[in-house]
PDB file of N, CA and C in Angstrom:
ATOM      1  N   MET A   1      88.120 123.174  97.085  1.00  0.00           N
ATOM      2  CA  MET A   1      88.994 122.278  96.366  1.00  0.00           C
ATOM      3  C   MET A   1      90.402 122.861  96.397  1.00  0.00           C
ATOM      4  N   GLY A   2      91.416 122.025  96.311  1.00  0.00           N
ATOM      5  CA  GLY A   2      92.801 122.447  96.384  1.00  0.00           C
ATOM      6  C   GLY A   2      93.221 123.391  95.272  1.00  0.00           C
ATOM      7  N   ILE A   3      92.677 123.234  94.070  1.00  0.00           N
ATOM      8  CA  ILE A   3      93.005 124.103  92.938  1.00  0.00           C
ATOM      9  C   ILE A   3      91.740 124.866  92.558  1.00  0.00           C
ATOM     10  N   SER A   4      91.885 126.124  92.228  1.00  0.00           N
ATOM     11  CA  SER A   4      90.705 126.937  91.955  1.00  0.00           C
ATOM     12  C   SER A   4      90.070 126.574  90.615  1.00  0.00           C
ATOM     13  N   ARG A   5      88.772 126.802  90.552  1.00  0.00           N
ATOM     14  CA  ARG A   5      88.023 126.558  89.308  1.00  0.00           C
ATOM     15  C   ARG A   5      88.624 127.382  88.167  1.00  0.00           C
ATOM     16  N   GLN A   6      89.005 128.622  88.470  1.00  0.00           N
ATOM     17  CA  GLN A   6      89.577 129.508  87.461  1.00  0.00           C
ATOM     18  C   GLN A   6      90.903 128.959  86.938  1.00  0.00           C
ATOM     19  N   SER A   7      91.728 128.436  87.832  1.00  0.00           N
ATOM     20  CA  SER A   7      93.017 127.863  87.443  1.00  0.00           C
ATOM     21  C   SER A   7      92.816 126.631  86.567  1.00  0.00           C
ATOM     22  N   LEU A   8      91.844 125.785  86.924  1.00  0.00           N
ATOM     23  CA  LEU A   8      91.553 124.598  86.115  1.00  0.00           C
ATOM     24  C   LEU A   8      91.084 124.994  84.721  1.00  0.00           C
ATOM     25  N   GLN A   9      90.195 125.988  84.656  1.00  0.00           N
ATOM     26  CA  GLN A   9      89.699 126.438  83.355  1.00  0.00           C
ATOM     27  C   GLN A   9      90.835 126.946  82.484  1.00  0.00           C
ATOM     28  N   TYR A  10      91.738 127.716  83.065  1.00  0.00           N
ATOM     29  CA  TYR A  10      92.878 128.242  82.319  1.00  0.00           C
ATOM     30  C   TYR A  10      93.737 127.106  81.774  1.00  0.00           C
ATOM     31  N   LYS A  11      94.056 126.134  82.622  1.00  0.00           N
ATOM     32  CA  LYS A  11      94.904 125.020  82.192  1.00  0.00           C
ATOM     33  C   LYS A  11      94.245 124.189  81.111  1.00  0.00           C
ATOM     34  N   MET A  12      92.940 123.983  81.225  1.00  0.00           N
ATOM     35  CA  MET A  12      92.233 123.185  80.235  1.00  0.00           C
ATOM     36  C   MET A  12      92.139 123.919  78.901  1.00  0.00           C
ATOM     37  N   LYS A  13      91.872 125.215  78.934  1.00  0.00           N
ATOM     38  CA  LYS A  13      91.813 126.000  77.699  1.00  0.00           C
ATOM     39  C   LYS A  13      93.179 126.054  77.040  1.00  0.00           C
ATOM     40  N   LYS A  14      94.220 126.140  77.844  1.00  0.00           N
ATOM     41  CA  LYS A  14      95.587 126.147  77.334  1.00  0.00           C
ATOM     42  C   LYS A  14      95.878 124.858  76.566  1.00  0.00           C
ATOM     43  N   ASN A  15      95.225 123.769  76.970  1.00  0.00           N
ATOM     44  CA  ASN A  15      95.392 122.474  76.308  1.00  0.00           C
ATOM     45  C   ASN A  15      94.302 122.209  75.272  1.00  0.00           C
ATOM     46  N   ASN A  16      93.693 123.301  74.770  1.00  0.00           N
ATOM     47  CA  ASN A  16      92.710 123.248  73.681  1.00  0.00           C
ATOM     48  C   ASN A  16      91.447 122.460  74.006  1.00  0.00           C
ATOM     49  N   LEU A  17      90.988 122.503  75.232  1.00  0.00           N
ATOM     50  CA  LEU A  17      89.713 121.891  75.572  1.00  0.00           C
ATOM     51  C   LEU A  17      88.635 122.965  75.494  1.00  0.00           C
ATOM     52  N   SER A  18      87.482 122.624  74.935  1.00  0.00           N
ATOM     53  CA  SER A  18      86.398 123.596  74.802  1.00  0.00           C
ATOM     54  C   SER A  18      85.838 123.956  76.177  1.00  0.00           C
ATOM     55  N   SER A  19      85.113 125.072  76.222  1.00  0.00           N
ATOM     56  CA  SER A  19      84.517 125.519  77.485  1.00  0.00           C
ATOM     57  C   SER A  19      83.572 124.480  78.058  1.00  0.00           C
ATOM     58  N   SER A  20      82.789 123.836  77.192  1.00  0.00           N
ATOM     59  CA  SER A  20      81.841 122.833  77.696  1.00  0.00           C
ATOM     60  C   SER A  20      82.578 121.619  78.250  1.00  0.00           C
ATOM     61  N   LYS A  21      83.666 121.202  77.594  1.00  0.00           N
ATOM     62  CA  LYS A  21      84.454 120.079  78.109  1.00  0.00           C
ATOM     63  C   LYS A  21      85.139 120.465  79.413  1.00  0.00           C
ATOM     64  N   CYS A  22      85.597 121.714  79.486  1.00  0.00           N
ATOM     65  CA  CYS A  22      86.214 122.204  80.728  1.00  0.00           C
ATOM     66  C   CYS A  22      85.214 122.130  81.868  1.00  0.00           C
ATOM     67  N   GLN A  23      84.003 122.599  81.614  1.00  0.00           N
ATOM     68  CA  GLN A  23      82.987 122.621  82.662  1.00  0.00           C
ATOM     69  C   GLN A  23      82.643 121.207  83.116  1.00  0.00           C
ATOM     70  N   ILE A  24      82.534 120.281  82.171  1.00  0.00           N
ATOM     71  CA  ILE A  24      82.234 118.888  82.515  1.00  0.00           C
ATOM     72  C   ILE A  24      83.342 118.306  83.379  1.00  0.00           C
ATOM     73  N   MET A  25      84.590 118.557  83.016  1.00  0.00           N
ATOM     74  CA  MET A  25      85.714 118.026  83.785  1.00  0.00           C
ATOM     75  C   MET A  25      85.773 118.660  85.167  1.00  0.00           C
ATOM     76  N   ILE A  26      85.532 119.953  85.254  1.00  0.00           N
ATOM     77  CA  ILE A  26      85.538 120.640  86.545  1.00  0.00           C
ATOM     78  C   ILE A  26      84.437 120.088  87.444  1.00  0.00           C
ATOM     79  N   ASP A  27      83.257 119.895  86.880  1.00  0.00           N
ATOM     80  CA  ASP A  27      82.144 119.341  87.653  1.00  0.00           C
ATOM     81  C   ASP A  27      82.466 117.936  88.157  1.00  0.00           C
ATOM     82  N   ARG A  28      83.085 117.127  87.310  1.00  0.00           N
ATOM     83  CA  ARG A  28      83.456 115.764  87.709  1.00  0.00           C
ATOM     84  C   ARG A  28      84.518 115.785  88.805  1.00  0.00           C
ATOM     85  N   LEU A  29      85.507 116.658  88.659  1.00  0.00           N
ATOM     86  CA  LEU A  29      86.536 116.776  89.690  1.00  0.00           C
ATOM     87  C   LEU A  29      85.931 117.228  91.011  1.00  0.00           C
ATOM     88  N   GLN A  30      84.985 118.143  90.951  1.00  0.00           N
ATOM     89  CA  GLN A  30      84.320 118.623  92.164  1.00  0.00           C
ATOM     90  C   GLN A  30      83.563 117.489  92.844  1.00  0.00           C
ATOM     91  N   LYS A  31      82.888 116.657  92.063  1.00  0.00           N
ATOM     92  CA  LYS A  31      82.151 115.523  92.634  1.00  0.00           C
ATOM     93  C   LYS A  31      83.102 114.525  93.292  1.00  0.00           C
ATOM     94  N   ILE A  32      84.242 114.277  92.656  1.00  0.00           N
ATOM     95  CA  ILE A  32      85.251 113.380  93.238  1.00  0.00           C
ATOM     96  C   ILE A  32      85.753 113.963  94.555  1.00  0.00           C
ATOM     97  N   HIS A  33      86.040 115.250  94.542  1.00  0.00           N
ATOM     98  CA  HIS A  33      86.518 115.925  95.752  1.00  0.00           C
ATOM     99  C   HIS A  33      85.489 115.815  96.876  1.00  0.00           C
ATOM    100  N   GLU A  34      84.234 116.127  96.574  1.00  0.00           N
ATOM    101  CA  GLU A  34      83.181 116.088  97.590  1.00  0.00           C
ATOM    102  C   GLU A  34      82.977 114.682  98.136  1.00  0.00           C
ATOM    103  N   ALA A  35      83.019 113.671  97.261  1.00  0.00           N
ATOM    104  CA  ALA A  35      82.857 112.280  97.710  1.00  0.00           C
ATOM    105  C   ALA A  35      84.031 111.861  98.588  1.00  0.00           C
ATOM    106  N   SER A  36      85.225 112.277  98.220  1.00  0.00           N
ATOM    107  CA  SER A  36      86.420 111.954  99.021  1.00  0.00           C
ATOM    108  C   SER A  36      86.325 112.583 100.404  1.00  0.00           C
ATOM    109  N   MET A  37      85.917 113.845 100.453  1.00  0.00           N
ATOM    110  CA  MET A  37      85.794 114.538 101.735  1.00  0.00           C
ATOM    111  C   MET A  37      84.731 113.869 102.606  1.00  0.00           C
ATOM    112  N   ALA A  38      83.614 113.484 102.009  1.00  0.00           N
ATOM    113  CA  ALA A  38      82.548 112.818 102.765  1.00  0.00           C
ATOM    114  C   ALA A  38      83.037 111.478 103.314  1.00  0.00           C
ATOM    115  N   MET A  39      83.773 110.732 102.506  1.00  0.00           N
ATOM    116  CA  MET A  39      84.286 109.437 102.938  1.00  0.00           C
ATOM    117  C   MET A  39      85.250 109.605 104.119  1.00  0.00           C
ATOM    118  N   LEU A  40      86.156 110.563 104.024  1.00  0.00           N
ATOM    119  CA  LEU A  40      87.132 110.761 105.094  1.00  0.00           C
ATOM    120  C   LEU A  40      86.473 111.300 106.370  1.00  0.00           C
ATOM    121  N   LYS A  41      85.381 112.021 106.229  1.00  0.00           N
ATOM    122  CA  LYS A  41      84.674 112.556 107.394  1.00  0.00           C
ATOM    123  C   LYS A  41      83.784 111.494 108.043  1.00  0.00           C
ATOM    124  N   ASN A  42      83.065 110.722 107.227  1.00  0.00           N
ATOM    125  CA  ASN A  42      82.057 109.799 107.753  1.00  0.00           C
ATOM    126  C   ASN A  42      82.562 108.374 107.968  1.00  0.00           C
ATOM    127  N   THR A  43      83.371 107.876 107.069  1.00  0.00           N
ATOM    128  CA  THR A  43      83.884 106.510 107.156  1.00  0.00           C
ATOM    129  C   THR A  43      85.242 106.484 107.838  1.00  0.00           C
ATOM    130  N   GLY A  44      86.041 107.497 107.564  1.00  0.00           N
ATOM    131  CA  GLY A  44      87.361 107.601 108.168  1.00  0.00           C
ATOM    132  C   GLY A  44      88.411 106.804 107.426  1.00  0.00           C
ATOM    133  N   MET A  45      89.613 106.824 107.992  1.00  0.00           N
ATOM    134  CA  MET A  45      90.751 106.124 107.402  1.00  0.00           C
ATOM    135  C   MET A  45      91.445 105.339 108.507  1.00  0.00           C
ATOM    136  N   LYS A  46      91.716 104.065 108.230  1.00  0.00           N
ATOM    137  CA  LYS A  46      92.366 103.210 109.224  1.00  0.00           C
ATOM    138  C   LYS A  46      93.879 103.404 109.172  1.00  0.00           C
ATOM    139  N   PHE A  47      94.471 103.528 110.350  1.00  0.00           N
ATOM    140  CA  PHE A  47      95.923 103.639 110.483  1.00  0.00           C
ATOM    141  C   PHE A  47      96.422 102.444 111.293  1.00  0.00           C
ATOM    142  N   HIS A  48      97.482 101.825 110.819  1.00  0.00           N
ATOM    143  CA  HIS A  48      98.005 100.625 111.468  1.00  0.00           C
ATOM    144  C   HIS A  48      99.171 100.914 112.410  1.00  0.00           C
ATOM    145  N   HIS A  49      99.637 102.133 112.419  1.00  0.00           N
ATOM    146  CA  HIS A  49     100.773 102.473 113.272  1.00  0.00           C
ATOM    147  C   HIS A  49     100.284 103.329 114.441  1.00  0.00           C
ATOM    148  N   PRO A  50     100.450 102.851 115.676  1.00  0.00           N
ATOM    149  CA  PRO A  50      99.957 103.592 116.845  1.00  0.00           C
ATOM    150  C   PRO A  50     100.496 105.020 116.943  1.00  0.00           C
ATOM    151  N   GLU A  51     101.735 105.234 116.519  1.00  0.00           N
ATOM    152  CA  GLU A  51     102.304 106.581 116.587  1.00  0.00           C
ATOM    153  C   GLU A  51     101.563 107.544 115.658  1.00  0.00           C
ATOM    154  N   ALA A  52     101.091 107.035 114.530  1.00  0.00           N
ATOM    155  CA  ALA A  52     100.326 107.882 113.604  1.00  0.00           C
ATOM    156  C   ALA A  52      99.047 108.366 114.279  1.00  0.00           C
ATOM    157  N   ILE A  53      98.362 107.472 114.987  1.00  0.00           N
ATOM    158  CA  ILE A  53      97.141 107.854 115.698  1.00  0.00           C
ATOM    159  C   ILE A  53      97.445 108.898 116.772  1.00  0.00           C
ATOM    160  N   THR A  54      98.542 108.719 117.475  1.00  0.00           N
ATOM    161  CA  THR A  54      98.939 109.685 118.507  1.00  0.00           C
ATOM    162  C   THR A  54      99.164 111.065 117.892  1.00  0.00           C
ATOM    163  N   ILE A  55      99.886 111.110 116.787  1.00  0.00           N
ATOM    164  CA  ILE A  55     100.160 112.388 116.101  1.00  0.00           C
ATOM    165  C   ILE A  55      98.860 113.037 115.629  1.00  0.00           C
ATOM    166  N   LEU A  56      97.971 112.236 115.069  1.00  0.00           N
ATOM    167  CA  LEU A  56      96.689 112.777 114.607  1.00  0.00           C
ATOM    168  C   LEU A  56      95.898 113.368 115.774  1.00  0.00           C
ATOM    169  N   LYS A  57      95.819 112.633 116.875  1.00  0.00           N
ATOM    170  CA  LYS A  57      95.098 113.131 118.059  1.00  0.00           C
ATOM    171  C   LYS A  57      95.701 114.439 118.563  1.00  0.00           C
ATOM    172  N   GLU A  58      97.032 114.499 118.591  1.00  0.00           N
ATOM    173  CA  GLU A  58      97.719 115.712 119.063  1.00  0.00           C
ATOM    174  C   GLU A  58      97.426 116.916 118.175  1.00  0.00           C
ATOM    175  N   ASN A  59      97.010 116.660 116.945  1.00  0.00           N
ATOM    176  CA  ASN A  59      96.714 117.742 116.002  1.00  0.00           C
ATOM    177  C   ASN A  59      95.215 117.938 115.790  1.00  0.00           C
ATOM    178  N   GLY A  60      94.414 117.453 116.728  1.00  0.00           N
ATOM    179  CA  GLY A  60      92.986 117.747 116.725  1.00  0.00           C
ATOM    180  C   GLY A  60      92.125 116.879 115.830  1.00  0.00           C
ATOM    181  N   ILE A  61      92.660 115.784 115.336  1.00  0.00           N
ATOM    182  CA  ILE A  61      91.885 114.889 114.475  1.00  0.00           C
ATOM    183  C   ILE A  61      91.091 113.930 115.359  1.00  0.00           C
ATOM    184  N   THR A  62      89.814 113.748 115.049  1.00  0.00           N
ATOM    185  CA  THR A  62      88.973 112.821 115.797  1.00  0.00           C
ATOM    186  C   THR A  62      89.369 111.385 115.439  1.00  0.00           C
ATOM    187  N   THR A  63      89.559 110.557 116.458  1.00  0.00           N
ATOM    188  CA  THR A  63      89.894 109.147 116.231  1.00  0.00           C
ATOM    189  C   THR A  63      88.999 108.268 117.098  1.00  0.00           C
ATOM    190  N   LYS A  64      88.748 107.068 116.598  1.00  0.00           N
ATOM    191  CA  LYS A  64      88.063 106.007 117.354  1.00  0.00           C
ATOM    192  C   LYS A  64      88.848 104.741 117.081  1.00  0.00           C
ATOM    193  N   GLY A  65      89.571 104.279 118.100  1.00  0.00           N
ATOM    194  CA  GLY A  65      90.459 103.136 117.888  1.00  0.00           C
ATOM    195  C   GLY A  65      91.561 103.557 116.927  1.00  0.00           C
ATOM    196  N   ASN A  66      91.710 102.796 115.851  1.00  0.00           N
ATOM    197  CA  ASN A  66      92.748 103.139 114.876  1.00  0.00           C
ATOM    198  C   ASN A  66      92.162 103.777 113.606  1.00  0.00           C
ATOM    199  N   ILE A  67      90.972 104.335 113.713  1.00  0.00           N
ATOM    200  CA  ILE A  67      90.340 105.020 112.577  1.00  0.00           C
ATOM    201  C   ILE A  67      90.304 106.515 112.873  1.00  0.00           C
ATOM    202  N   ALA A  68      90.754 107.303 111.904  1.00  0.00           N
ATOM    203  CA  ALA A  68      90.763 108.762 112.020  1.00  0.00           C
ATOM    204  C   ALA A  68      89.707 109.347 111.092  1.00  0.00           C
ATOM    205  N   TYR A  69      89.041 110.377 111.571  1.00  0.00           N
ATOM    206  CA  TYR A  69      87.984 111.064 110.822  1.00  0.00           C
ATOM    207  C   TYR A  69      88.426 112.511 110.602  1.00  0.00           C
ATOM    208  N   PHE A  70      88.454 112.919 109.348  1.00  0.00           N
ATOM    209  CA  PHE A  70      88.970 114.236 108.981  1.00  0.00           C
ATOM    210  C   PHE A  70      87.864 115.133 108.447  1.00  0.00           C
ATOM    211  N   THR A  71      87.898 116.405 108.842  1.00  0.00           N
ATOM    212  CA  THR A  71      87.018 117.387 108.205  1.00  0.00           C
ATOM    213  C   THR A  71      87.760 117.958 106.997  1.00  0.00           C
ATOM    214  N   GLU A  72      87.026 118.550 106.098  1.00  0.00           N
ATOM    215  CA  GLU A  72      87.654 119.170 104.930  1.00  0.00           C
ATOM    216  C   GLU A  72      88.604 120.281 105.357  1.00  0.00           C
ATOM    217  N   GLU A  73      88.213 121.043 106.345  1.00  0.00           N
ATOM    218  CA  GLU A  73      89.056 122.144 106.817  1.00  0.00           C
ATOM    219  C   GLU A  73      90.395 121.616 107.328  1.00  0.00           C
ATOM    220  N   GLN A  74      90.355 120.529 108.097  1.00  0.00           N
ATOM    221  CA  GLN A  74      91.597 119.938 108.608  1.00  0.00           C
ATOM    222  C   GLN A  74      92.491 119.466 107.462  1.00  0.00           C
ATOM    223  N   LEU A  75      91.902 118.782 106.510  1.00  0.00           N
ATOM    224  CA  LEU A  75      92.690 118.270 105.381  1.00  0.00           C
ATOM    225  C   LEU A  75      93.303 119.402 104.565  1.00  0.00           C
ATOM    226  N   MET A  76      92.511 120.410 104.262  1.00  0.00           N
ATOM    227  CA  MET A  76      93.012 121.512 103.440  1.00  0.00           C
ATOM    228  C   MET A  76      94.100 122.302 104.169  1.00  0.00           C
ATOM    229  N   TYR A  77      94.000 122.399 105.493  1.00  0.00           N
ATOM    230  CA  TYR A  77      95.033 123.069 106.283  1.00  0.00           C
ATOM    231  C   TYR A  77      96.379 122.382 106.048  1.00  0.00           C
ATOM    232  N   TRP A  78      96.395 121.053 106.130  1.00  0.00           N
ATOM    233  CA  TRP A  78      97.653 120.316 105.972  1.00  0.00           C
ATOM    234  C   TRP A  78      98.094 120.235 104.516  1.00  0.00           C
ATOM    235  N   VAL A  79      97.161 120.177 103.592  1.00  0.00           N
ATOM    236  CA  VAL A  79      97.520 120.162 102.164  1.00  0.00           C
ATOM    237  C   VAL A  79      98.247 121.450 101.795  1.00  0.00           C
ATOM    238  N   LYS A  80      97.787 122.574 102.331  1.00  0.00           N
ATOM    239  CA  LYS A  80      98.416 123.866 102.034  1.00  0.00           C
ATOM    240  C   LYS A  80      99.847 123.942 102.551  1.00  0.00           C
ATOM    241  N   LYS A  81     100.168 123.156 103.560  1.00  0.00           N
ATOM    242  CA  LYS A  81     101.522 123.149 104.115  1.00  0.00           C
ATOM    243  C   LYS A  81     102.493 122.290 103.295  1.00  0.00           C
ATOM    244  N   ALA A  82     101.960 121.433 102.437  1.00  0.00           N
ATOM    245  CA  ALA A  82     102.809 120.543 101.646  1.00  0.00           C
ATOM    246  C   ALA A  82     103.538 121.330 100.559  1.00  0.00           C
ATOM    247  N   PRO A  83     104.754 120.924 100.214  1.00  0.00           N
ATOM    248  CA  PRO A  83     105.467 121.609  99.130  1.00  0.00           C
ATOM    249  C   PRO A  83     104.764 121.355  97.798  1.00  0.00           C
ATOM    250  N   SER A  84     104.943 122.275  96.860  1.00  0.00           N
ATOM    251  CA  SER A  84     104.291 122.129  95.558  1.00  0.00           C
ATOM    252  C   SER A  84     104.890 120.987  94.744  1.00  0.00           C
ATOM    253  N   SER A  85     106.137 120.627  95.038  1.00  0.00           N
ATOM    254  CA  SER A  85     106.763 119.470  94.378  1.00  0.00           C
ATOM    255  C   SER A  85     107.863 118.927  95.276  1.00  0.00           C
ATOM    256  N   PHE A  86     108.226 117.679  95.035  1.00  0.00           N
ATOM    257  CA  PHE A  86     109.305 117.056  95.804  1.00  0.00           C
ATOM    258  C   PHE A  86     109.812 115.841  95.050  1.00  0.00           C
ATOM    259  N   SER A  87     110.975 115.358  95.420  1.00  0.00           N
ATOM    260  CA  SER A  87     111.560 114.157  94.820  1.00  0.00           C
ATOM    261  C   SER A  87     111.431 113.014  95.810  1.00  0.00           C
ATOM    262  N   LEU A  88     111.008 111.866  95.318  1.00  0.00           N
ATOM    263  CA  LEU A  88     110.933 110.695  96.183  1.00  0.00           C
ATOM    264  C   LEU A  88     112.328 110.140  96.446  1.00  0.00           C
ATOM    265  N   CYS A  89     113.141 110.125  95.411  1.00  0.00           N
ATOM    266  CA  CYS A  89     114.514 109.664  95.580  1.00  0.00           C
ATOM    267  C   CYS A  89     115.338 110.174  94.394  1.00  0.00           C
ATOM    268  N   SER A  90     116.598 110.119  94.565  1.00  0.00           N
ATOM    269  CA  SER A  90     117.499 110.559  93.524  1.00  0.00           C
ATOM    270  C   SER A  90     118.426 109.396  93.197  1.00  0.00           C
ATOM    271  N   ILE A  91     118.564 109.075  91.935  1.00  0.00           N
ATOM    272  CA  ILE A  91     119.448 107.993  91.513  1.00  0.00           C
ATOM    273  C   ILE A  91     120.633 108.618  90.780  1.00  0.00           C
ATOM    274  N   PRO A  92     121.834 108.426  91.321  1.00  0.00           N
ATOM    275  CA  PRO A  92     123.010 108.979  90.640  1.00  0.00           C
ATOM    276  C   PRO A  92     123.204 108.313  89.281  1.00  0.00           C
ATOM    277  N   SER A  93     123.716 109.073  88.342  1.00  0.00           N
ATOM    278  CA  SER A  93     123.945 108.493  87.018  1.00  0.00           C
ATOM    279  C   SER A  93     125.036 107.428  87.115  1.00  0.00           C
ATOM    280  N   ILE A  94     124.841 106.382  86.378  1.00  0.00           N
ATOM    281  CA  ILE A  94     125.762 105.255  86.377  1.00  0.00           C
ATOM    282  C   ILE A  94     126.445 105.166  85.011  1.00  0.00           C
ATOM    283  N   THR A  95     127.748 105.129  85.018  1.00  0.00           N
ATOM    284  CA  THR A  95     128.495 105.008  83.761  1.00  0.00           C
ATOM    285  C   THR A  95     129.003 103.580  83.659  1.00  0.00           C
ATOM    286  N   LEU A  96     128.713 102.944  82.557  1.00  0.00           N
ATOM    287  CA  LEU A  96     129.201 101.581  82.340  1.00  0.00           C
ATOM    288  C   LEU A  96     130.414 101.569  81.460  1.00  0.00           C
TER     289      LEU A  96
END
């Protein structure tokens, strides 16, 4: 998973969640993660832009037509390269 179990437990305890509630939430997050990984590996994701498929193929992603199939290792490799935060856009302050 992208965030460690230990890190999740720390954050949840910091927000006054009991150990049992922490464990339940961690287990649920793990199940969501595992289901997502299985879906992306077995069902794949459809891409509508041909250039996206080309880029995926060039980076070792299995494709069939316009559907790409990702392994967990491939996804986590690219997730680790993403910045921890970013801005979508910046709106300058407006004075009326």
